[in-house]
Protein backbone atom coordinates (compact mmCIF):
# COMPACT_ATOMS: atom_id res chain seq x y z
CA UNK A 1 123.30 99.86 84.60
CA UNK A 2 126.01 102.50 84.97
CA UNK A 3 128.80 100.36 84.28
CA UNK A 4 126.97 99.28 81.05
CA UNK A 5 127.25 102.87 80.11
CA UNK A 6 130.91 103.48 80.26
CA UNK A 7 133.78 102.21 77.95
CA UNK A 8 135.65 99.14 79.31
CA UNK A 9 138.57 101.14 80.39
CA UNK A 10 136.78 103.47 82.30
CA UNK A 11 134.96 100.80 84.07
CA UNK A 12 137.13 100.64 87.33
CA UNK A 13 136.26 104.35 87.70
CA UNK A 14 132.42 104.52 86.88
CA UNK A 15 132.27 101.75 89.56
CA UNK A 16 134.01 103.59 92.25
CA UNK A 17 132.47 106.91 91.43
CA UNK A 18 128.94 105.09 91.86
CA UNK A 19 129.83 103.38 95.26
CA UNK A 20 131.25 106.83 96.68
CA UNK A 21 128.17 108.81 95.57
CA UNK A 22 126.07 106.07 97.01
CA UNK A 23 127.79 105.95 100.58
CA UNK A 24 127.57 110.01 100.54
CA UNK A 25 123.95 109.76 99.79
CA UNK A 26 123.42 107.37 102.73
CA UNK A 27 125.60 109.27 104.99
CA UNK A 28 123.93 112.46 104.18
CA UNK A 29 120.67 111.29 104.47
CA UNK A 30 121.43 109.44 107.97
CA UNK A 31 123.01 112.69 109.12
CA UNK A 32 119.94 114.75 108.35
CA UNK A 33 117.43 112.45 109.48
CA UNK A 34 119.38 111.91 112.72
CA UNK A 35 119.51 115.77 113.29
CA UNK A 36 115.88 115.98 113.03
CA UNK A 37 115.22 113.14 115.28
CA UNK A 38 117.44 114.64 117.98
CA UNK A 39 115.63 118.01 117.50
CA UNK A 40 112.30 116.86 117.51
CA UNK A 41 112.93 114.48 120.56
CA UNK A 42 114.35 117.72 122.64
CA UNK A 43 111.39 119.82 121.74
CA UNK A 44 108.80 117.20 122.30
CA UNK A 45 110.45 116.43 125.74
CA UNK A 46 110.84 120.02 126.56
CA UNK A 47 106.94 120.36 125.58
CA UNK A 48 105.85 117.64 127.43
CA UNK A 49 108.07 118.41 130.52
CA UNK A 50 106.37 121.98 130.76
CA UNK A 51 102.99 120.79 130.35
CA UNK A 52 103.33 118.24 133.28
CA UNK A 53 104.88 120.93 135.33
CA UNK A 54 108.42 118.89 135.76
CA UNK A 55 111.43 121.52 135.70
CA UNK A 56 113.57 121.12 132.82
CA UNK A 57 115.90 118.28 133.39
CA UNK A 58 113.98 117.02 136.24
CA UNK A 59 114.10 113.18 136.57
CA UNK A 60 115.91 112.91 133.23
CA UNK A 61 118.42 110.17 134.83
CA UNK A 62 121.83 110.96 133.08
CA UNK A 63 123.33 113.63 130.91
CA UNK A 64 120.83 115.92 129.18
CA UNK A 65 122.44 115.22 126.13
CA UNK A 66 122.19 111.25 125.95
CA UNK A 67 119.61 108.67 125.84
CA UNK A 68 118.04 108.03 129.30
CA UNK A 69 117.79 104.74 130.90
CA UNK A 70 114.17 104.27 130.78
CA UNK A 71 113.98 102.02 133.46
CA UNK A 72 115.33 104.55 136.07
CA UNK A 73 112.81 107.21 135.02
CA UNK A 74 109.64 107.97 136.91
CA UNK A 75 106.35 107.11 135.19
CA UNK A 76 105.43 110.57 134.08
CA UNK A 77 108.78 111.22 132.81
CA UNK A 78 109.28 107.66 131.14
CA UNK A 79 105.69 108.47 129.21
CA UNK A 80 106.87 111.98 128.08
CA UNK A 81 110.18 110.51 126.70
CA UNK A 82 108.41 107.69 124.85
CA UNK A 83 105.80 110.08 123.44
CA UNK A 84 108.59 112.36 122.37
CA UNK A 85 110.27 109.55 120.71
CA UNK A 86 106.99 108.15 119.14
CA UNK A 87 106.32 111.50 117.75
CA UNK A 88 109.94 112.21 116.42
CA UNK A 89 109.84 108.96 114.67
CA UNK A 90 106.52 109.68 113.07
CA UNK A 91 107.84 112.74 111.72
CA UNK A 92 111.05 111.28 110.28
CA UNK A 93 108.72 108.99 108.19
CA UNK A 94 106.75 112.08 106.91
CA UNK A 95 109.77 113.52 105.95
CA UNK A 96 111.58 110.45 104.51
CA UNK A 97 108.47 109.31 102.42
CA UNK A 98 108.46 112.09 99.90
CA UNK A 99 112.18 111.69 99.14
CA UNK A 100 111.54 107.92 98.74
CA UNK A 101 108.59 108.67 96.32
CA UNK A 102 110.75 111.49 94.35
CA UNK A 103 113.44 108.41 94.10
CA UNK A 104 111.03 105.53 92.91
CA UNK A 105 109.60 108.06 90.46
CA UNK A 106 113.30 108.94 89.27
CA UNK A 107 113.91 105.19 88.88
CA UNK A 108 110.73 104.61 87.09
CA UNK A 109 111.74 107.03 84.33
CA UNK A 110 115.43 105.99 83.84
CA UNK A 111 115.95 104.66 80.23
CA UNK A 112 116.34 100.89 80.36
CA UNK A 113 119.49 99.66 78.48
CA UNK A 114 119.86 95.90 77.80
CA UNK A 115 123.15 94.49 79.34
CA UNK A 116 126.11 93.70 77.27
CA UNK A 117 126.91 89.98 76.90
CA UNK A 118 130.69 90.66 76.67
CA UNK A 119 133.13 91.01 79.52
CA UNK A 120 135.42 93.90 79.87
CA UNK A 121 138.33 92.12 78.54
CA UNK A 122 136.46 90.93 75.54
CA UNK A 123 135.47 94.52 74.77
CA UNK A 124 139.14 95.75 75.15
CA UNK A 125 140.45 93.08 72.70
């Protein structure tokens, strides 16, 4: 649709700008949601460990900043980690859903334009 709104001489620039901003949007969205996931997992894990009376870092099975090997964890720690990832993933969907609905509403209100039937070269001639 954006390519249909620009003159044929600017078609390449319009296409590249559209691709750039689409990529940037995906990158920023992934980064933000990834940061939220990491924060929520850390928070929920710490809360679960405290509730279970397990000292911080106890039974983590590796580095404190990595994803643990779940098969090597003791059962209570594994349950806490699984719960933390479940809660964090649910929170991501709660955050992403309004953004997706806003995008859907925006798309619904975009003005529809009929596609041109001539190619860029024909329009330049």
